[in-house]
């Protein structure tokens, strides 16, 4: 396989690393063309702007796969349209005009945010998607473009919240809430269902599904959708700091959704980090190796 990875940010860089570990030929591309850091070593990239077809001459004719991992520059509707629809259209048009589109597998990194569900229900690949959210409509249009233009070689991965080394939001939140237990009221806490995927598993799933020559839509999320405060309590336990004293069983009508990863697992994929517990434990140990020497605190 010769893989063009468009977008080498938090996840894209991990995908490049995973492909290289499998000894695939990889061409990393990013807007700036600046090198990316892989385990302390710099890896050159090519400068490709998905909104500027004049930069596409750097795309070789012998690529076999495209991984589109471009992110919106900000949260605006225009940014979503540029990244998740116009950019995909430009790349697709270029590949087909060159006569190589019919041979290429095109994989789009999408999001579980496209699902409409927000009342705690379970969602799978067939669940209803957003119809009124303008930002996510551009992502859905991008998905449909990939599936229609590349057919059995089109692959869409809807990823839940990506975490991993370098993203410690939940760890920081767990620490802040632990430090302010006496000041935090139950009604101040935003409670919702949350779903996540470790960046290592997200990259591994990307490579795995390409190897299996899969097509269509796949949810990429770990085995344990959970209430966000449950995850925070679990992280606090790993950190061995004071844990939130909150009985979630008494709370009804929790918002959000629960992602079903059955389709991915039926393909034989196995997670390195099947739940947040394994993933955050590794993150915390990498960040603070002395954590095992800390005595647990109780209320």
Protein backbone atom coordinates (compact mmCIF):
# COMPACT_ATOMS: atom_id res chain seq x y z
CA UNK A 1 0.00 0.00 0.00
CA UNK A 2 1.08 3.55 -0.73
CA UNK A 3 -0.95 5.86 1.47
CA UNK A 4 -1.47 9.61 1.26
CA UNK A 5 -2.45 10.95 4.68
CA UNK A 6 -4.07 14.37 4.32
CA UNK A 7 -4.01 16.18 7.65
CA UNK A 8 -1.34 15.26 10.18
CA UNK A 9 -2.61 16.69 13.42
CA UNK A 10 -3.31 14.80 16.65
CA UNK A 11 -4.82 11.76 14.92
CA UNK A 12 -3.26 12.05 11.47
CA UNK A 13 0.25 11.84 12.91
CA UNK A 14 -0.73 8.69 14.79
CA UNK A 15 -2.11 7.18 11.57
CA UNK A 16 1.18 7.95 9.82
CA UNK A 17 3.06 6.25 12.66
CA UNK A 18 0.80 3.18 12.51
CA UNK A 19 1.26 2.88 8.74
CA UNK A 20 5.04 3.18 9.02
CA UNK A 21 5.10 0.51 11.73
CA UNK A 22 3.41 -1.78 9.22
CA UNK A 23 6.08 -0.82 6.68
CA UNK A 24 3.62 0.79 4.29
CA UNK A 25 4.77 3.60 2.05
CA UNK A 26 3.34 6.79 3.52
CA UNK A 27 3.17 10.33 2.21
CA UNK A 28 2.17 12.69 5.06
CA UNK A 29 0.63 15.96 3.90
CA UNK A 30 -0.33 19.06 5.82
CA UNK A 31 -1.21 22.65 5.02
CA UNK A 32 2.08 24.09 6.28
CA UNK A 33 4.37 21.40 4.90
CA UNK A 34 6.30 21.50 8.16
CA UNK A 35 7.84 18.26 9.51
CA UNK A 36 5.92 16.20 12.06
CA UNK A 37 7.45 14.74 15.18
CA UNK A 38 7.35 10.95 15.48
CA UNK A 39 8.86 9.63 18.69
CA UNK A 40 11.38 12.46 18.85
CA UNK A 41 12.33 12.31 15.18
CA UNK A 42 11.24 14.70 12.46
CA UNK A 43 9.46 13.34 9.41
CA UNK A 44 9.14 15.47 6.31
CA UNK A 45 5.69 16.26 4.90
CA UNK A 46 4.43 17.78 1.67
CA UNK A 47 2.45 21.02 1.62
CA UNK A 48 -1.03 20.37 0.30
CA UNK A 49 -3.99 22.70 0.76
CA UNK A 50 -7.20 20.81 0.06
CA UNK A 51 -8.81 24.11 -0.95
CA UNK A 52 -6.09 24.88 -3.51
CA UNK A 53 -5.92 22.35 -6.38
CA UNK A 54 -2.70 23.99 -7.58
CA UNK A 55 -0.94 22.22 -4.68
CA UNK A 56 -2.20 18.79 -5.78
CA UNK A 57 0.65 18.26 -8.25
CA UNK A 58 2.57 16.84 -5.28
CA UNK A 59 0.20 13.86 -5.17
CA UNK A 60 1.91 10.89 -6.89
CA UNK A 61 0.01 8.83 -9.43
CA UNK A 62 0.90 5.52 -7.79
CA UNK A 63 -0.90 6.07 -4.46
CA UNK A 64 -3.35 3.32 -3.57
CA UNK A 65 -5.07 4.84 -0.53
CA UNK A 66 -6.04 8.29 0.69
CA UNK A 67 -6.76 8.92 4.37
CA UNK A 68 -8.57 12.23 4.76
CA UNK A 69 -7.93 13.41 8.31
CA UNK A 70 -8.30 17.15 7.75
CA UNK A 71 -9.78 19.18 10.59
CA UNK A 72 -11.87 22.32 10.49
CA UNK A 73 -9.74 25.36 11.35
CA UNK A 74 -12.39 26.61 13.76
CA UNK A 75 -15.99 25.97 14.76
CA UNK A 76 -17.62 28.13 12.09
CA UNK A 77 -19.98 26.75 9.48
CA UNK A 78 -17.72 28.02 6.70
CA UNK A 79 -14.74 26.20 8.19
CA UNK A 80 -16.73 22.95 8.38
CA UNK A 81 -17.85 23.33 4.76
CA UNK A 82 -14.29 23.98 3.60
CA UNK A 83 -12.73 21.07 5.48
CA UNK A 84 -15.42 18.43 5.28
CA UNK A 85 -17.04 19.04 1.91
CA UNK A 86 -15.17 21.35 -0.46
CA UNK A 87 -11.78 19.86 0.44
CA UNK A 88 -13.04 16.32 -0.13
CA UNK A 89 -14.70 17.35 -3.41
CA UNK A 90 -11.50 18.99 -4.64
CA UNK A 91 -9.38 15.92 -3.89
CA UNK A 92 -11.97 13.56 -5.38
CA UNK A 93 -12.32 15.64 -8.55
CA UNK A 94 -8.54 15.76 -8.95
CA UNK A 95 -8.08 12.00 -8.51
CA UNK A 96 -10.85 11.16 -10.97
CA UNK A 97 -9.69 13.77 -13.51
CA UNK A 98 -6.23 12.21 -13.39
CA UNK A 99 -7.79 8.81 -14.03
CA UNK A 100 -6.70 7.19 -10.77
CA UNK A 101 -9.83 7.76 -8.71
CA UNK A 102 -11.31 4.43 -9.77
CA UNK A 103 -8.34 2.57 -8.29
CA UNK A 104 -7.96 4.39 -4.98
CA UNK A 105 -9.42 3.52 -1.59
CA UNK A 106 -10.59 6.74 0.06
CA UNK A 107 -11.02 6.77 3.84
CA UNK A 108 -12.66 9.72 5.58
CA UNK A 109 -12.24 10.43 9.28
CA UNK A 110 -15.70 11.59 10.35
CA UNK A 111 -17.45 11.99 13.70
CA UNK A 112 -20.20 10.43 15.80
CA UNK A 113 -21.40 14.01 16.24
CA UNK A 114 -23.45 13.52 13.07
CA UNK A 115 -25.98 11.41 14.98
CA UNK A 116 -29.24 13.04 16.05
CA UNK A 117 -29.70 11.03 19.27
CA UNK A 118 -29.38 13.13 22.44
CA UNK A 119 -31.51 11.33 25.02
CA UNK A 120 -29.13 8.58 26.08
CA UNK A 121 -30.10 6.06 23.41
CA UNK A 122 -27.79 3.63 21.63
CA UNK A 123 -26.65 4.52 18.12
CA UNK A 124 -25.21 2.34 15.37
CA UNK A 125 -24.28 2.97 11.75
CA UNK A 126 -27.94 2.95 10.70
CA UNK A 127 -29.15 5.46 13.29
CA UNK A 128 -30.76 8.76 12.34
CA UNK A 129 -28.34 11.60 11.62
CA UNK A 130 -28.58 15.35 12.05
CA UNK A 131 -30.88 17.07 9.59
CA UNK A 132 -30.89 20.67 10.83
CA UNK A 133 -27.38 21.28 12.18
CA UNK A 134 -25.67 23.19 9.38
CA UNK A 135 -22.12 22.37 10.44
CA UNK A 136 -22.69 18.64 10.61
CA UNK A 137 -24.65 18.76 7.35
CA UNK A 138 -21.39 19.59 5.58
CA UNK A 139 -19.71 16.57 7.17
CA UNK A 140 -22.61 14.35 6.12
CA UNK A 141 -22.39 15.74 2.59
CA UNK A 142 -18.70 14.88 2.63
CA UNK A 143 -19.49 11.34 3.76
CA UNK A 144 -21.99 10.87 0.96
CA UNK A 145 -19.52 12.23 -1.57
CA UNK A 146 -16.90 9.67 -0.50
CA UNK A 147 -19.37 6.79 -0.60
CA UNK A 148 -20.84 7.78 -3.99
CA UNK A 149 -17.57 8.68 -5.74
CA UNK A 150 -15.51 5.75 -4.47
CA UNK A 151 -18.20 3.06 -4.07
CA UNK A 152 -16.77 -0.17 -2.67
CA UNK A 153 -13.49 1.65 -2.06
CA UNK A 154 -15.13 4.38 0.01
CA UNK A 155 -14.77 4.12 3.76
CA UNK A 156 -16.14 6.46 6.44
CA UNK A 157 -15.04 6.16 10.06
CA UNK A 158 -17.25 7.97 12.57
CA UNK A 159 -14.99 8.48 15.56
CA UNK A 160 -16.15 9.40 19.03
CA UNK A 161 -14.10 11.71 21.29
CA UNK A 162 -10.41 11.14 20.59
CA UNK A 163 -8.03 11.11 23.55
CA UNK A 164 -4.50 9.95 24.22
CA UNK A 165 -1.07 11.21 25.11
CA UNK A 166 -1.09 14.95 24.65
CA UNK A 167 -4.76 15.41 25.52
CA UNK A 168 -5.29 15.57 29.26
CA UNK A 169 -8.57 17.49 29.45
CA UNK A 170 -10.38 14.87 31.52
CA UNK A 171 -7.36 14.40 33.77
CA UNK A 172 -7.17 18.14 34.46
CA UNK A 173 -10.94 18.30 35.03
CA UNK A 174 -10.72 15.37 37.48
CA UNK A 175 -7.99 17.20 39.40
CA UNK A 176 -9.89 20.49 39.51
CA UNK A 177 -13.10 18.84 40.71
CA UNK A 178 -11.17 16.90 43.34
CA UNK A 179 -9.56 20.10 44.62
CA UNK A 180 -12.92 21.86 44.81
CA UNK A 181 -15.18 19.13 46.18
CA UNK A 182 -16.53 21.31 48.96
CA UNK A 183 -17.33 24.13 46.54
CA UNK A 184 -18.96 22.02 43.82
CA UNK A 185 -22.73 21.51 43.92
CA UNK A 186 -24.44 18.65 42.10
CA UNK A 187 -26.47 21.12 40.05
CA UNK A 188 -23.25 22.75 38.80
CA UNK A 189 -22.12 19.53 37.15
CA UNK A 190 -23.04 18.91 33.52
CA UNK A 191 -23.95 15.23 33.29
CA UNK A 192 -24.17 13.43 29.96
CA UNK A 193 -23.26 10.20 28.23
CA UNK A 194 -19.80 10.24 26.72
CA UNK A 195 -18.00 8.06 24.21
CA UNK A 196 -14.31 8.00 23.42
CA UNK A 197 -11.57 6.30 21.47
CA UNK A 198 -7.85 6.27 22.23
CA UNK A 199 -5.84 7.76 19.35
CA UNK A 200 -3.76 4.56 19.18
CA UNK A 201 -6.88 2.46 18.62
CA UNK A 202 -8.32 5.02 16.19
CA UNK A 203 -5.16 4.79 14.07
CA UNK A 204 -5.06 0.99 14.38
CA UNK A 205 -8.70 0.74 13.29
CA UNK A 206 -7.94 2.95 10.29
CA UNK A 207 -5.12 0.65 9.14
CA UNK A 208 -7.07 -2.49 10.02
CA UNK A 209 -10.15 -1.61 7.98
CA UNK A 210 -8.01 -0.61 5.00
CA UNK A 211 -6.19 -3.95 5.21
CA UNK A 212 -9.53 -5.79 5.35
CA UNK A 213 -10.69 -3.85 2.26
CA UNK A 214 -13.84 -2.78 4.06
CA UNK A 215 -16.23 -0.18 2.74
CA UNK A 216 -19.14 1.85 4.04
CA UNK A 217 -19.59 3.45 7.45
CA UNK A 218 -18.07 2.27 10.73
CA UNK A 219 -18.41 3.65 14.24
CA UNK A 220 -15.00 3.73 15.91
CA UNK A 221 -15.53 4.00 19.66
CA UNK A 222 -14.41 1.89 22.61
CA UNK A 223 -16.39 -0.73 24.52
CA UNK A 224 -17.63 1.48 27.35
CA UNK A 225 -19.93 4.42 26.73
CA UNK A 226 -20.30 5.96 30.16
CA UNK A 227 -21.63 8.98 31.99
CA UNK A 228 -18.92 11.63 31.89
CA UNK A 229 -18.77 11.97 35.68
CA UNK A 230 -18.30 8.21 36.00
CA UNK A 231 -15.21 8.58 33.84
CA UNK A 232 -14.01 11.48 35.98
CA UNK A 233 -14.50 9.42 39.15
CA UNK A 234 -12.55 6.58 37.54
CA UNK A 235 -9.70 8.92 36.63
CA UNK A 236 -9.67 10.34 40.15
CA UNK A 237 -9.32 6.79 41.47
CA UNK A 238 -6.38 6.18 39.14
CA UNK A 239 -4.82 9.45 40.29
CA UNK A 240 -5.44 8.40 43.91
CA UNK A 241 -7.04 11.73 44.76
CA UNK A 242 -10.39 12.59 46.35
CA UNK A 243 -13.28 11.16 44.37
CA UNK A 244 -16.62 12.80 43.60
CA UNK A 245 -19.36 11.58 45.91
CA UNK A 246 -22.27 11.47 43.48
CA UNK A 247 -24.93 8.79 43.12
CA UNK A 248 -25.60 8.71 39.38
CA UNK A 249 -28.20 5.96 39.75
CA UNK A 250 -30.67 8.54 41.05
CA UNK A 251 -30.29 10.72 37.98
CA UNK A 252 -32.71 10.16 35.11
CA UNK A 253 -32.91 11.46 31.55
CA UNK A 254 -29.16 11.81 31.02
CA UNK A 255 -28.47 13.51 27.69
CA UNK A 256 -26.14 12.30 24.97
CA UNK A 257 -25.81 8.98 23.18
CA UNK A 258 -24.13 5.60 23.54
CA UNK A 259 -22.13 4.38 20.58
CA UNK A 260 -22.39 0.73 19.53
CA UNK A 261 -19.10 -0.56 18.05
CA UNK A 262 -20.43 -4.03 17.16
CA UNK A 263 -19.87 -3.64 13.41
CA UNK A 264 -16.18 -2.82 13.93
CA UNK A 265 -15.68 -5.74 16.33
CA UNK A 266 -17.41 -8.16 13.96
CA UNK A 267 -14.57 -7.45 11.56
CA UNK A 268 -12.24 -8.93 14.19
CA UNK A 269 -10.77 -5.68 15.50
CA UNK A 270 -9.45 -5.83 19.06
CA UNK A 271 -8.81 -2.75 21.15
CA UNK A 272 -5.54 -1.98 22.89
CA UNK A 273 -7.55 0.26 25.23
CA UNK A 274 -11.08 -1.21 25.38
CA UNK A 275 -12.26 1.37 27.94
CA UNK A 276 -11.18 4.73 29.31
CA UNK A 277 -9.78 2.97 32.37
CA UNK A 278 -6.93 1.30 30.50
CA UNK A 279 -6.34 4.34 28.31
CA UNK A 280 -6.21 6.96 31.04
CA UNK A 281 -4.18 4.75 33.33
CA UNK A 282 -1.46 4.63 30.67
CA UNK A 283 -1.69 8.38 30.03
CA UNK A 284 -1.39 9.13 33.74
CA UNK A 285 1.50 6.72 34.25
CA UNK A 286 3.35 8.23 31.28
CA UNK A 287 2.72 11.72 32.61
CA UNK A 288 3.44 10.97 36.26
CA UNK A 289 5.47 7.77 36.79
CA UNK A 290 5.44 8.34 40.56
CA UNK A 291 1.66 7.96 40.74
CA UNK A 292 1.95 4.41 42.11
CA UNK A 293 3.70 5.75 45.18
CA UNK A 294 0.85 8.11 46.01
CA UNK A 295 -1.48 7.04 48.80
CA UNK A 296 -5.19 7.10 47.89
CA UNK A 297 -7.24 9.91 49.45
CA UNK A 298 -10.75 9.30 50.73
CA UNK A 299 -13.49 11.62 51.87
